[in-house]
């Protein structure tokens, strides 16, 4: 009977996101495991490669939470207050997401600039 995980995938991704945003793709999975408080093997039981972990951690939501809020506010309350509230949520969303976009873009450029003979499993 398999053991019940003590940490969720989301918690691992949050730890990975912190480490990757601080150190880039070159960060070690051992550092990520230490940040999450788990063994390095636990990471690879859930994510087959470091690159898979990287892309999952840097992932951007398909539908930001503020979109749902916008839909729920249509025709309700004070328009000006609603717009101000939504604008703050949009700013917060991009404050969180733009560093991820930059990291993804940076990693993409690193991969393109590598010698194909030296590239590991991509």
PDB file of N, CA and C in Angstrom:
ATOM      1  N   UNK A   1       0.842  -1.175   0.000  1.00  0.00           N
ATOM      2  CA  UNK A   1       0.000   0.000   0.000  1.00  0.00           C
ATOM      3  C   UNK A   1       0.898   1.252   0.000  1.00  0.00           C
ATOM      4  N   UNK A   2       0.693   2.174  -0.955  1.00  0.00           N
ATOM      5  CA  UNK A   2       1.542   3.367  -1.025  1.00  0.00           C
ATOM      6  C   UNK A   2       1.310   4.301   0.154  1.00  0.00           C
ATOM      7  N   UNK A   3       2.381   5.010   0.515  1.00  0.00           N
ATOM      8  CA  UNK A   3       2.271   5.991   1.595  1.00  0.00           C
ATOM      9  C   UNK A   3       1.483   7.206   1.128  1.00  0.00           C
ATOM     10  N   UNK A   4       0.792   7.818   2.064  1.00  0.00           N
ATOM     11  CA  UNK A   4       0.062   9.047   1.772  1.00  0.00           C
ATOM     12  C   UNK A   4       1.073  10.194   1.740  1.00  0.00           C
ATOM     13  N   UNK A   5       1.087  10.977   0.651  1.00  0.00           N
ATOM     14  CA  UNK A   5       2.050  12.087   0.574  1.00  0.00           C
ATOM     15  C   UNK A   5       1.821  13.102   1.691  1.00  0.00           C
ATOM     16  N   UNK A   6       2.921  13.581   2.266  1.00  0.00           N
ATOM     17  CA  UNK A   6       2.845  14.591   3.326  1.00  0.00           C
ATOM     18  C   UNK A   6       2.874  15.998   2.754  1.00  0.00           C
ATOM     19  N   UNK A   7       3.212  16.102   1.495  1.00  0.00           N
ATOM     20  CA  UNK A   7       3.309  17.404   0.848  1.00  0.00           C
ATOM     21  C   UNK A   7       2.576  17.324  -0.491  1.00  0.00           C
ATOM     22  N   UNK A   8       1.900  18.378  -0.822  1.00  0.00           N
ATOM     23  CA  UNK A   8       1.146  18.385  -2.081  1.00  0.00           C
ATOM     24  C   UNK A   8       2.053  18.809  -3.234  1.00  0.00           C
ATOM     25  N   UNK A   9       1.622  18.494  -4.437  1.00  0.00           N
ATOM     26  CA  UNK A   9       2.352  18.951  -5.617  1.00  0.00           C
ATOM     27  C   UNK A   9       2.423  20.473  -5.627  1.00  0.00           C
ATOM     28  N   UNK A  10       1.345  21.117  -5.211  1.00  0.00           N
ATOM     29  CA  UNK A  10       1.313  22.580  -5.188  1.00  0.00           C
ATOM     30  C   UNK A  10       2.382  23.138  -4.258  1.00  0.00           C
ATOM     31  N   UNK A  11       2.598  22.502  -3.112  1.00  0.00           N
ATOM     32  CA  UNK A  11       3.641  22.956  -2.182  1.00  0.00           C
ATOM     33  C   UNK A  11       5.032  22.775  -2.786  1.00  0.00           C
ATOM     34  N   UNK A  12       5.225  21.684  -3.499  1.00  0.00           N
ATOM     35  CA  UNK A  12       6.509  21.465  -4.182  1.00  0.00           C
ATOM     36  C   UNK A  12       6.701  22.530  -5.257  1.00  0.00           C
ATOM     37  N   UNK A  13       5.651  22.817  -6.006  1.00  0.00           N
ATOM     38  CA  UNK A  13       5.748  23.822  -7.067  1.00  0.00           C
ATOM     39  C   UNK A  13       6.021  25.214  -6.497  1.00  0.00           C
ATOM     40  N   UNK A  14       5.435  25.520  -5.353  1.00  0.00           N
ATOM     41  CA  UNK A  14       5.694  26.821  -4.729  1.00  0.00           C
ATOM     42  C   UNK A  14       7.155  26.937  -4.302  1.00  0.00           C
ATOM     43  N   UNK A  15       7.699  25.861  -3.728  1.00  0.00           N
ATOM     44  CA  UNK A  15       9.112  25.862  -3.342  1.00  0.00           C
ATOM     45  C   UNK A  15       9.997  25.979  -4.581  1.00  0.00           C
ATOM     46  N   UNK A  16       9.669  25.225  -5.620  1.00  0.00           N
ATOM     47  CA  UNK A  16      10.441  25.271  -6.865  1.00  0.00           C
ATOM     48  C   UNK A  16      10.377  26.665  -7.483  1.00  0.00           C
ATOM     49  N   UNK A  17       9.203  27.262  -7.465  1.00  0.00           N
ATOM     50  CA  UNK A  17       9.036  28.605  -8.036  1.00  0.00           C
ATOM     51  C   UNK A  17       9.940  29.599  -7.315  1.00  0.00           C
ATOM     52  N   UNK A  18       9.966  29.539  -5.991  1.00  0.00           N
ATOM     53  CA  UNK A  18      10.822  30.448  -5.220  1.00  0.00           C
ATOM     54  C   UNK A  18      12.289  30.274  -5.595  1.00  0.00           C
ATOM     55  N   UNK A  19      12.737  29.036  -5.644  1.00  0.00           N
ATOM     56  CA  UNK A  19      14.145  28.765  -5.926  1.00  0.00           C
ATOM     57  C   UNK A  19      14.487  29.144  -7.367  1.00  0.00           C
ATOM     58  N   UNK A  20      13.642  28.759  -8.319  1.00  0.00           N
ATOM     59  CA  UNK A  20      13.909  29.092  -9.722  1.00  0.00           C
ATOM     60  C   UNK A  20      13.914  30.608  -9.949  1.00  0.00           C
ATOM     61  N   UNK A  21      13.005  31.328  -9.309  1.00  0.00           N
ATOM     62  CA  UNK A  21      12.968  32.774  -9.493  1.00  0.00           C
ATOM     63  C   UNK A  21      14.201  33.446  -8.885  1.00  0.00           C
ATOM     64  N   UNK A  22      14.759  32.863  -7.845  1.00  0.00           N
ATOM     65  CA  UNK A  22      15.968  33.424  -7.236  1.00  0.00           C
ATOM     66  C   UNK A  22      17.228  33.056  -8.016  1.00  0.00           C
ATOM     67  N   UNK A  23      17.288  31.811  -8.513  1.00  0.00           N
ATOM     68  CA  UNK A  23      18.549  31.303  -9.069  1.00  0.00           C
ATOM     69  C   UNK A  23      18.488  30.944 -10.542  1.00  0.00           C
ATOM     70  N   UNK A  24      17.316  30.959 -11.127  1.00  0.00           N
ATOM     71  CA  UNK A  24      17.190  30.577 -12.530  1.00  0.00           C
ATOM     72  C   UNK A  24      17.100  29.069 -12.685  1.00  0.00           C
ATOM     73  N   UNK A  25      17.106  28.629 -13.944  1.00  0.00           N
ATOM     74  CA  UNK A  25      16.975  27.207 -14.242  1.00  0.00           C
ATOM     75  C   UNK A  25      18.156  26.402 -13.711  1.00  0.00           C
ATOM     76  N   UNK A  26      19.279  27.059 -13.494  1.00  0.00           N
ATOM     77  CA  UNK A  26      20.468  26.373 -12.990  1.00  0.00           C
ATOM     78  C   UNK A  26      20.374  25.934 -11.542  1.00  0.00           C
ATOM     79  N   UNK A  27      19.337  26.343 -10.844  1.00  0.00           N
ATOM     80  CA  UNK A  27      19.151  25.925  -9.454  1.00  0.00           C
ATOM     81  C   UNK A  27      19.071  24.407  -9.383  1.00  0.00           C
ATOM     82  N   UNK A  28      19.578  23.852  -8.309  1.00  0.00           N
ATOM     83  CA  UNK A  28      19.574  22.390  -8.189  1.00  0.00           C
ATOM     84  C   UNK A  28      18.254  21.896  -7.597  1.00  0.00           C
ATOM     85  N   UNK A  29      17.900  20.693  -7.986  1.00  0.00           N
ATOM     86  CA  UNK A  29      16.695  20.076  -7.432  1.00  0.00           C
ATOM     87  C   UNK A  29      16.896  19.749  -5.953  1.00  0.00           C
ATOM     88  N   UNK A  30      18.152  19.591  -5.537  1.00  0.00           N
ATOM     89  CA  UNK A  30      18.439  19.366  -4.116  1.00  0.00           C
ATOM     90  C   UNK A  30      18.041  20.608  -3.308  1.00  0.00           C
ATOM     91  N   UNK A  31      18.345  21.801  -3.826  1.00  0.00           N
ATOM     92  CA  UNK A  31      17.953  23.033  -3.148  1.00  0.00           C
ATOM     93  C   UNK A  31      16.428  23.172  -3.086  1.00  0.00           C
ATOM     94  N   UNK A  32      15.774  22.771  -4.148  1.00  0.00           N
ATOM     95  CA  UNK A  32      14.307  22.828  -4.180  1.00  0.00           C
ATOM     96  C   UNK A  32      13.741  21.863  -3.143  1.00  0.00           C
ATOM     97  N   UNK A  33      14.300  20.666  -3.090  1.00  0.00           N
ATOM     98  CA  UNK A  33      13.849  19.668  -2.112  1.00  0.00           C
ATOM     99  C   UNK A  33      14.045  20.189  -0.690  1.00  0.00           C
ATOM    100  N   UNK A  34      15.178  20.808  -0.431  1.00  0.00           N
ATOM    101  CA  UNK A  34      15.436  21.357   0.902  1.00  0.00           C
ATOM    102  C   UNK A  34      14.441  22.458   1.235  1.00  0.00           C
ATOM    103  N   UNK A  35      14.145  23.314   0.267  1.00  0.00           N
ATOM    104  CA  UNK A  35      13.167  24.390   0.468  1.00  0.00           C
ATOM    105  C   UNK A  35      11.789  23.804   0.797  1.00  0.00           C
ATOM    106  N   UNK A  36      11.448  22.691   0.148  1.00  0.00           N
ATOM    107  CA  UNK A  36      10.144  22.052   0.355  1.00  0.00           C
ATOM    108  C   UNK A  36      10.137  21.136   1.581  1.00  0.00           C
ATOM    109  N   UNK A  37      11.326  20.813   2.101  1.00  0.00           N
ATOM    110  CA  UNK A  37      11.404  19.928   3.257  1.00  0.00           C
ATOM    111  C   UNK A  37      11.175  18.465   2.912  1.00  0.00           C
ATOM    112  N   UNK A  38      11.606  18.077   1.710  1.00  0.00           N
ATOM    113  CA  UNK A  38      11.440  16.687   1.254  1.00  0.00           C
ATOM    114  C   UNK A  38      12.758  16.198   0.661  1.00  0.00           C
ATOM    115  N   UNK A  39      12.788  14.926   0.295  1.00  0.00           N
ATOM    116  CA  UNK A  39      13.984  14.392  -0.361  1.00  0.00           C
ATOM    117  C   UNK A  39      13.935  14.732  -1.847  1.00  0.00           C
ATOM    118  N   UNK A  40      15.095  14.761  -2.446  1.00  0.00           N
ATOM    119  CA  UNK A  40      15.172  15.032  -3.887  1.00  0.00           C
ATOM    120  C   UNK A  40      14.430  13.954  -4.679  1.00  0.00           C
ATOM    121  N   UNK A  41      14.486  12.719  -4.199  1.00  0.00           N
ATOM    122  CA  UNK A  41      13.786  11.624  -4.879  1.00  0.00           C
ATOM    123  C   UNK A  41      12.279  11.857  -4.918  1.00  0.00           C
ATOM    124  N   UNK A  42      11.754  12.500  -3.875  1.00  0.00           N
ATOM    125  CA  UNK A  42      10.308  12.784  -3.840  1.00  0.00           C
ATOM    126  C   UNK A  42       9.887  13.691  -4.985  1.00  0.00           C
ATOM    127  N   UNK A  43      10.776  14.593  -5.370  1.00  0.00           N
ATOM    128  CA  UNK A  43      10.469  15.472  -6.505  1.00  0.00           C
ATOM    129  C   UNK A  43      10.326  14.648  -7.772  1.00  0.00           C
ATOM    130  N   UNK A  44      11.286  13.749  -7.991  1.00  0.00           N
ATOM    131  CA  UNK A  44      11.294  12.983  -9.236  1.00  0.00           C
ATOM    132  C   UNK A  44      10.267  11.853  -9.267  1.00  0.00           C
ATOM    133  N   UNK A  45       9.641  11.582  -8.145  1.00  0.00           N
ATOM    134  CA  UNK A  45       8.509  10.649  -8.154  1.00  0.00           C
ATOM    135  C   UNK A  45       7.286  11.330  -8.761  1.00  0.00           C
ATOM    136  N   UNK A  46       7.256  12.648  -8.695  1.00  0.00           N
ATOM    137  CA  UNK A  46       6.095  13.411  -9.174  1.00  0.00           C
ATOM    138  C   UNK A  46       6.358  14.141 -10.482  1.00  0.00           C
ATOM    139  N   UNK A  47       7.601  14.531 -10.700  1.00  0.00           N
ATOM    140  CA  UNK A  47       7.983  15.249 -11.920  1.00  0.00           C
ATOM    141  C   UNK A  47       9.158  14.506 -12.529  1.00  0.00           C
ATOM    142  N   UNK A  48       8.999  14.014 -13.754  1.00  0.00           N
ATOM    143  CA  UNK A  48      10.008  13.109 -14.315  1.00  0.00           C
ATOM    144  C   UNK A  48      11.340  13.783 -14.619  1.00  0.00           C
ATOM    145  N   UNK A  49      11.332  15.072 -14.910  1.00  0.00           N
ATOM    146  CA  UNK A  49      12.583  15.774 -15.194  1.00  0.00           C
ATOM    147  C   UNK A  49      12.578  17.137 -14.498  1.00  0.00           C
ATOM    148  N   UNK A  50      13.753  17.708 -14.391  1.00  0.00           N
ATOM    149  CA  UNK A  50      13.874  19.048 -13.826  1.00  0.00           C
ATOM    150  C   UNK A  50      13.136  20.048 -14.714  1.00  0.00           C
ATOM    151  N   UNK A  51      13.213  19.847 -16.011  1.00  0.00           N
ATOM    152  CA  UNK A  51      12.545  20.759 -16.941  1.00  0.00           C
ATOM    153  C   UNK A  51      11.021  20.694 -16.763  1.00  0.00           C
ATOM    154  N   UNK A  52      10.479  19.505 -16.560  1.00  0.00           N
ATOM    155  CA  UNK A  52       9.041  19.374 -16.306  1.00  0.00           C
ATOM    156  C   UNK A  52       8.652  20.136 -15.035  1.00  0.00           C
ATOM    157  N   UNK A  53       9.468  19.997 -13.997  1.00  0.00           N
ATOM    158  CA  UNK A  53       9.241  20.728 -12.743  1.00  0.00           C
ATOM    159  C   UNK A  53       9.304  22.230 -12.992  1.00  0.00           C
ATOM    160  N   UNK A  54      10.300  22.666 -13.756  1.00  0.00           N
ATOM    161  CA  UNK A  54      10.472  24.089 -14.058  1.00  0.00           C
ATOM    162  C   UNK A  54       9.232  24.655 -14.742  1.00  0.00           C
ATOM    163  N   UNK A  55       8.780  23.994 -15.798  1.00  0.00           N
ATOM    164  CA  UNK A  55       7.624  24.505 -16.532  1.00  0.00           C
ATOM    165  C   UNK A  55       6.345  24.455 -15.703  1.00  0.00           C
ATOM    166  N   UNK A  56       6.204  23.438 -14.872  1.00  0.00           N
ATOM    167  CA  UNK A  56       5.031  23.373 -13.991  1.00  0.00           C
ATOM    168  C   UNK A  56       5.081  24.502 -12.954  1.00  0.00           C
ATOM    169  N   UNK A  57       6.262  24.768 -12.412  1.00  0.00           N
ATOM    170  CA  UNK A  57       6.410  25.820 -11.392  1.00  0.00           C
ATOM    171  C   UNK A  57       6.225  27.210 -11.990  1.00  0.00           C
ATOM    172  N   UNK A  58       6.664  27.404 -13.210  1.00  0.00           N
ATOM    173  CA  UNK A  58       6.571  28.713 -13.850  1.00  0.00           C
ATOM    174  C   UNK A  58       5.246  28.903 -14.591  1.00  0.00           C
ATOM    175  N   UNK A  59       4.393  27.898 -14.529  1.00  0.00           N
ATOM    176  CA  UNK A  59       3.126  27.945 -15.250  1.00  0.00           C
ATOM    177  C   UNK A  59       2.273  29.163 -14.908  1.00  0.00           C
ATOM    178  N   UNK A  60       1.517  29.578 -15.882  1.00  0.00           N
ATOM    179  CA  UNK A  60       0.650  30.746 -15.743  1.00  0.00           C
ATOM    180  C   UNK A  60      -0.790  30.259 -15.859  1.00  0.00           C
ATOM    181  N   UNK A  61      -1.654  30.683 -14.949  1.00  0.00           N
ATOM    182  CA  UNK A  61      -3.042  30.219 -14.993  1.00  0.00           C
ATOM    183  C   UNK A  61      -3.721  30.577 -16.320  1.00  0.00           C
ATOM    184  N   UNK A  62      -4.500  29.636 -16.840  1.00  0.00           N
ATOM    185  CA  UNK A  62      -5.225  29.903 -18.084  1.00  0.00           C
ATOM    186  C   UNK A  62      -6.237  31.016 -17.901  1.00  0.00           C
ATOM    187  N   UNK A  63      -6.906  31.009 -16.769  1.00  0.00           N
ATOM    188  CA  UNK A  63      -7.924  32.017 -16.488  1.00  0.00           C
ATOM    189  C   UNK A  63      -7.634  32.629 -15.125  1.00  0.00           C
ATOM    190  N   UNK A  64      -7.072  33.833 -15.111  1.00  0.00           N
ATOM    191  CA  UNK A  64      -6.761  34.475 -13.834  1.00  0.00           C
ATOM    192  C   UNK A  64      -8.009  34.658 -12.975  1.00  0.00           C
ATOM    193  N   UNK A  65      -7.807  34.686 -11.661  1.00  0.00           N
ATOM    194  CA  UNK A  65      -8.923  34.829 -10.726  1.00  0.00           C
ATOM    195  C   UNK A  65      -9.700  36.126 -10.945  1.00  0.00           C
ATOM    196  N   UNK A  66      -9.011  37.193 -11.370  1.00  0.00           N
ATOM    197  CA  UNK A  66      -9.706  38.449 -11.556  1.00  0.00           C
ATOM    198  C   UNK A  66     -10.728  38.387 -12.683  1.00  0.00           C
ATOM    199  N   UNK A  67     -10.566  37.468 -13.621  1.00  0.00           N
ATOM    200  CA  UNK A  67     -11.549  37.318 -14.703  1.00  0.00           C
ATOM    201  C   UNK A  67     -12.872  36.818 -14.127  1.00  0.00           C
ATOM    202  N   UNK A  68     -12.804  35.842 -13.224  1.00  0.00           N
ATOM    203  CA  UNK A  68     -14.024  35.343 -12.572  1.00  0.00           C
ATOM    204  C   UNK A  68     -14.691  36.450 -11.771  1.00  0.00           C
ATOM    205  N   UNK A  69     -13.864  37.239 -11.074  1.00  0.00           N
ATOM    206  CA  UNK A  69     -14.385  38.360 -10.287  1.00  0.00           C
ATOM    207  C   UNK A  69     -15.083  39.367 -11.199  1.00  0.00           C
ATOM    208  N   UNK A  70     -14.477  39.651 -12.318  1.00  0.00           N
ATOM    209  CA  UNK A  70     -15.050  40.595 -13.281  1.00  0.00           C
ATOM    210  C   UNK A  70     -16.408  40.097 -13.766  1.00  0.00           C
ATOM    211  N   UNK A  71     -16.475  38.815 -14.085  1.00  0.00           N
ATOM    212  CA  UNK A  71     -17.732  38.233 -14.555  1.00  0.00           C
ATOM    213  C   UNK A  71     -18.811  38.292 -13.477  1.00  0.00           C
ATOM    214  N   UNK A  72     -18.418  38.064 -12.236  1.00  0.00           N
ATOM    215  CA  UNK A  72     -19.408  38.058 -11.151  1.00  0.00           C
ATOM    216  C   UNK A  72     -19.892  39.468 -10.798  1.00  0.00           C
ATOM    217  N   UNK A  73     -19.097  40.487 -11.106  1.00  0.00           N
ATOM    218  CA  UNK A  73     -19.466  41.858 -10.765  1.00  0.00           C
ATOM    219  C   UNK A  73     -20.299  42.564 -11.840  1.00  0.00           C
ATOM    220  N   UNK A  74     -20.419  41.961 -12.996  1.00  0.00           N
ATOM    221  CA  UNK A  74     -21.154  42.606 -14.092  1.00  0.00           C
ATOM    222  C   UNK A  74     -22.571  42.957 -13.648  1.00  0.00           C
ATOM    223  N   UNK A  75     -22.888  44.238 -13.767  1.00  0.00           N
ATOM    224  CA  UNK A  75     -24.223  44.711 -13.430  1.00  0.00           C
ATOM    225  C   UNK A  75     -24.512  44.830 -11.950  1.00  0.00           C
ATOM    226  N   UNK A  76     -23.481  44.703 -11.102  1.00  0.00           N
ATOM    227  CA  UNK A  76     -23.681  44.760  -9.649  1.00  0.00           C
ATOM    228  C   UNK A  76     -22.819  45.855  -9.036  1.00  0.00           C
ATOM    229  N   UNK A  77     -23.312  46.465  -7.979  1.00  0.00           N
ATOM    230  CA  UNK A  77     -22.529  47.414  -7.197  1.00  0.00           C
ATOM    231  C   UNK A  77     -22.160  48.674  -7.947  1.00  0.00           C
ATOM    232  N   UNK A  78     -21.234  49.405  -7.354  1.00  0.00           N
ATOM    233  CA  UNK A  78     -20.767  50.668  -7.917  1.00  0.00           C
ATOM    234  C   UNK A  78     -19.707  50.385  -8.984  1.00  0.00           C
ATOM    235  N   UNK A  79     -19.922  50.898 -10.180  1.00  0.00           N
ATOM    236  CA  UNK A  79     -19.022  50.636 -11.299  1.00  0.00           C
ATOM    237  C   UNK A  79     -17.593  51.084 -10.999  1.00  0.00           C
ATOM    238  N   UNK A  80     -17.443  52.290 -10.474  1.00  0.00           N
ATOM    239  CA  UNK A  80     -16.103  52.822 -10.191  1.00  0.00           C
ATOM    240  C   UNK A  80     -15.375  51.957  -9.162  1.00  0.00           C
ATOM    241  N   UNK A  81     -16.036  51.593  -8.079  1.00  0.00           N
ATOM    242  CA  UNK A  81     -15.419  50.734  -7.060  1.00  0.00           C
ATOM    243  C   UNK A  81     -15.043  49.370  -7.641  1.00  0.00           C
ATOM    244  N   UNK A  82     -15.932  48.813  -8.452  1.00  0.00           N
ATOM    245  CA  UNK A  82     -15.658  47.518  -9.073  1.00  0.00           C
ATOM    246  C   UNK A  82     -14.427  47.590  -9.973  1.00  0.00           C
ATOM    247  N   UNK A  83     -14.340  48.651 -10.773  1.00  0.00           N
ATOM    248  CA  UNK A  83     -13.202  48.792 -11.675  1.00  0.00           C
ATOM    249  C   UNK A  83     -11.893  48.977 -10.901  1.00  0.00           C
ATOM    250  N   UNK A  84     -11.936  49.750  -9.848  1.00  0.00           N
ATOM    251  CA  UNK A  84     -10.739  49.943  -9.024  1.00  0.00           C
ATOM    252  C   UNK A  84     -10.312  48.614  -8.412  1.00  0.00           C
ATOM    253  N   UNK A  85     -11.268  47.857  -7.890  1.00  0.00           N
ATOM    254  CA  UNK A  85     -10.974  46.554  -7.304  1.00  0.00           C
ATOM    255  C   UNK A  85     -10.366  45.606  -8.339  1.00  0.00           C
ATOM    256  N   UNK A  86     -10.954  45.561  -9.515  1.00  0.00           N
ATOM    257  CA  UNK A  86     -10.452  44.685 -10.578  1.00  0.00           C
ATOM    258  C   UNK A  86      -9.052  45.130 -11.008  1.00  0.00           C
ATOM    259  N   UNK A  87      -8.831  46.430 -11.116  1.00  0.00           N
ATOM    260  CA  UNK A  87      -7.512  46.935 -11.507  1.00  0.00           C
ATOM    261  C   UNK A  87      -6.444  46.517 -10.506  1.00  0.00           C
ATOM    262  N   UNK A  88      -6.745  46.583  -9.224  1.00  0.00           N
ATOM    263  CA  UNK A  88      -5.784  46.142  -8.213  1.00  0.00           C
ATOM    264  C   UNK A  88      -5.494  44.644  -8.353  1.00  0.00           C
ATOM    265  N   UNK A  89      -6.512  43.868  -8.656  1.00  0.00           N
ATOM    266  CA  UNK A  89      -6.321  42.431  -8.841  1.00  0.00           C
ATOM    267  C   UNK A  89      -5.479  42.147 -10.085  1.00  0.00           C
ATOM    268  N   UNK A  90      -5.699  42.915 -11.144  1.00  0.00           N
ATOM    269  CA  UNK A  90      -4.915  42.744 -12.375  1.00  0.00           C
ATOM    270  C   UNK A  90      -3.449  43.094 -12.106  1.00  0.00           C
ATOM    271  N   UNK A  91      -3.219  44.189 -11.392  1.00  0.00           N
ATOM    272  CA  UNK A  91      -1.848  44.584 -11.058  1.00  0.00           C
ATOM    273  C   UNK A  91      -1.172  43.488 -10.236  1.00  0.00           C
ATOM    274  N   UNK A  92      -1.861  42.956  -9.254  1.00  0.00           N
ATOM    275  CA  UNK A  92      -1.304  41.887  -8.422  1.00  0.00           C
ATOM    276  C   UNK A  92      -0.992  40.645  -9.256  1.00  0.00           C
ATOM    277  N   UNK A  93      -1.896  40.311 -10.175  1.00  0.00           N
ATOM    278  CA  UNK A  93      -1.696  39.154 -11.055  1.00  0.00           C
ATOM    279  C   UNK A  93      -0.408  39.320 -11.861  1.00  0.00           C
ATOM    280  N   UNK A  94      -0.246  40.462 -12.503  1.00  0.00           N
ATOM    281  CA  UNK A  94       0.946  40.668 -13.322  1.00  0.00           C
ATOM    282  C   UNK A  94       2.209  40.828 -12.475  1.00  0.00           C
ATOM    283  N   UNK A  95       2.074  41.341 -11.278  1.00  0.00           N
ATOM    284  CA  UNK A  95       3.209  41.420 -10.362  1.00  0.00           C
ATOM    285  C   UNK A  95       3.733  40.010 -10.065  1.00  0.00           C
ATOM    286  N   UNK A  96       2.833  39.065  -9.953  1.00  0.00           N
ATOM    287  CA  UNK A  96       3.202  37.677  -9.678  1.00  0.00           C
ATOM    288  C   UNK A  96       3.658  36.944 -10.933  1.00  0.00           C
ATOM    289  N   UNK A  97       3.034  37.216 -12.066  1.00  0.00           N
ATOM    290  CA  UNK A  97       3.255  36.434 -13.278  1.00  0.00           C
ATOM    291  C   UNK A  97       4.424  36.929 -14.132  1.00  0.00           C
ATOM    292  N   UNK A  98       4.682  38.221 -14.172  1.00  0.00           N
ATOM    293  CA  UNK A  98       5.746  38.730 -15.042  1.00  0.00           C
ATOM    294  C   UNK A  98       7.119  38.136 -14.742  1.00  0.00           C
ATOM    295  N   UNK A  99       7.507  37.962 -13.475  1.00  0.00           N
ATOM    296  CA  UNK A  99       8.801  37.296 -13.248  1.00  0.00           C
ATOM    297  C   UNK A  99       8.841  35.874 -13.814  1.00  0.00           C
ATOM    298  N   UNK A 100       7.725  35.183 -13.769  1.00  0.00           N
ATOM    299  CA  UNK A 100       7.665  33.830 -14.345  1.00  0.00           C
ATOM    300  C   UNK A 100       7.843  33.883 -15.854  1.00  0.00           C
ATOM    301  N   UNK A 101       7.173  34.849 -16.486  1.00  0.00           N
ATOM    302  CA  UNK A 101       7.287  34.992 -17.940  1.00  0.00           C
ATOM    303  C   UNK A 101       8.739  35.271 -18.321  1.00  0.00           C
ATOM    304  N   UNK A 102       9.384  36.153 -17.565  1.00  0.00           N
ATOM    305  CA  UNK A 102      10.783  36.472 -17.844  1.00  0.00           C
ATOM    306  C   UNK A 102      11.669  35.243 -17.660  1.00  0.00           C
ATOM    307  N   UNK A 103      11.400  34.445 -16.643  1.00  0.00           N
ATOM    308  CA  UNK A 103      12.190  33.243 -16.400  1.00  0.00           C
ATOM    309  C   UNK A 103      11.983  32.225 -17.524  1.00  0.00           C
ATOM    310  N   UNK A 104      10.742  32.055 -17.957  1.00  0.00           N
ATOM    311  CA  UNK A 104      10.451  31.147 -19.067  1.00  0.00           C
ATOM    312  C   UNK A 104      11.151  31.621 -20.337  1.00  0.00           C
ATOM    313  N   UNK A 105      11.082  32.898 -20.596  1.00  0.00           N
ATOM    314  CA  UNK A 105      11.718  33.473 -21.785  1.00  0.00           C
ATOM    315  C   UNK A 105      13.234  33.291 -21.704  1.00  0.00           C
ATOM    316  N   UNK A 106      13.799  33.542 -20.546  1.00  0.00           N
ATOM    317  CA  UNK A 106      15.234  33.388 -20.349  1.00  0.00           C
ATOM    318  C   UNK A 106      15.656  31.941 -20.588  1.00  0.00           C
ATOM    319  N   UNK A 107      14.897  31.003 -20.051  1.00  0.00           N
ATOM    320  CA  UNK A 107      15.238  29.587 -20.233  1.00  0.00           C
ATOM    321  C   UNK A 107      15.137  29.208 -21.700  1.00  0.00           C
ATOM    322  N   UNK A 108      14.132  29.718 -22.392  1.00  0.00           N
ATOM    323  CA  UNK A 108      13.956  29.425 -23.811  1.00  0.00           C
ATOM    324  C   UNK A 108      15.160  29.927 -24.605  1.00  0.00           C
ATOM    325  N   UNK A 109      15.662  31.103 -24.282  1.00  0.00           N
ATOM    326  CA  UNK A 109      16.837  31.634 -24.974  1.00  0.00           C
ATOM    327  C   UNK A 109      18.072  30.799 -24.670  1.00  0.00           C
ATOM    328  N   UNK A 110      18.221  30.347 -23.420  1.00  0.00           N
ATOM    329  CA  UNK A 110      19.365  29.509 -23.062  1.00  0.00           C
ATOM    330  C   UNK A 110      19.349  28.215 -23.865  1.00  0.00           C
ATOM    331  N   UNK A 111      18.178  27.612 -24.010  1.00  0.00           N
ATOM    332  CA  UNK A 111      18.058  26.357 -24.746  1.00  0.00           C
ATOM    333  C   UNK A 111      18.398  26.581 -26.212  1.00  0.00           C
ATOM    334  N   UNK A 112      17.905  27.664 -26.805  1.00  0.00           N
ATOM    335  CA  UNK A 112      18.174  27.945 -28.218  1.00  0.00           C
ATOM    336  C   UNK A 112      19.653  28.206 -28.472  1.00  0.00           C
ATOM    337  N   UNK A 113      20.348  28.816 -27.511  1.00  0.00           N
ATOM    338  CA  UNK A 113      21.743  29.185 -27.698  1.00  0.00           C
ATOM    339  C   UNK A 113      22.722  28.057 -27.392  1.00  0.00           C
ATOM    340  N   UNK A 114      22.237  26.936 -26.887  1.00  0.00           N
ATOM    341  CA  UNK A 114      23.129  25.827 -26.562  1.00  0.00           C
ATOM    342  C   UNK A 114      23.498  25.065 -27.821  1.00  0.00           C
ATOM    343  N   UNK A 115      24.672  24.470 -27.774  1.00  0.00           N
ATOM    344  CA  UNK A 115      25.097  23.590 -28.840  1.00  0.00           C
ATOM    345  C   UNK A 115      24.240  22.328 -28.778  1.00  0.00           C
ATOM    346  N   UNK A 116      23.551  21.964 -29.863  1.00  0.00           N
ATOM    347  CA  UNK A 116      22.654  20.796 -29.825  1.00  0.00           C
ATOM    348  C   UNK A 116      23.366  19.509 -29.401  1.00  0.00           C
ATOM    349  N   UNK A 117      24.672  19.407 -29.676  1.00  0.00           N
ATOM    350  CA  UNK A 117      25.406  18.195 -29.289  1.00  0.00           C
ATOM    351  C   UNK A 117      25.586  18.116 -27.782  1.00  0.00           C
ATOM    352  N   UNK A 118      25.551  19.260 -27.096  1.00  0.00           N
ATOM    353  CA  UNK A 118      25.748  19.293 -25.643  1.00  0.00           C
ATOM    354  C   UNK A 118      24.442  19.287 -24.882  1.00  0.00           C
ATOM    355  N   UNK A 119      23.336  19.397 -25.566  1.00  0.00           N
ATOM    356  CA  UNK A 119      22.045  19.497 -24.892  1.00  0.00           C
ATOM    357  C   UNK A 119      21.658  18.168 -24.282  1.00  0.00           C
ATOM    358  N   UNK A 120      21.181  18.235 -23.057  1.00  0.00           N
ATOM    359  CA  UNK A 120      20.657  17.035 -22.429  1.00  0.00           C
ATOM    360  C   UNK A 120      19.250  16.812 -22.947  1.00  0.00           C
ATOM    361  N   UNK A 121      18.520  15.975 -22.334  1.00  0.00           N
ATOM    362  CA  UNK A 121      17.180  15.570 -22.767  1.00  0.00           C
ATOM    363  C   UNK A 121      16.222  16.755 -22.776  1.00  0.00           C
ATOM    364  N   UNK A 122      15.952  17.350 -23.961  1.00  0.00           N
ATOM    365  CA  UNK A 122      14.984  18.441 -24.115  1.00  0.00           C
ATOM    366  C   UNK A 122      13.952  18.022 -25.119  1.00  0.00           C
TER     367      UNK A 122
END
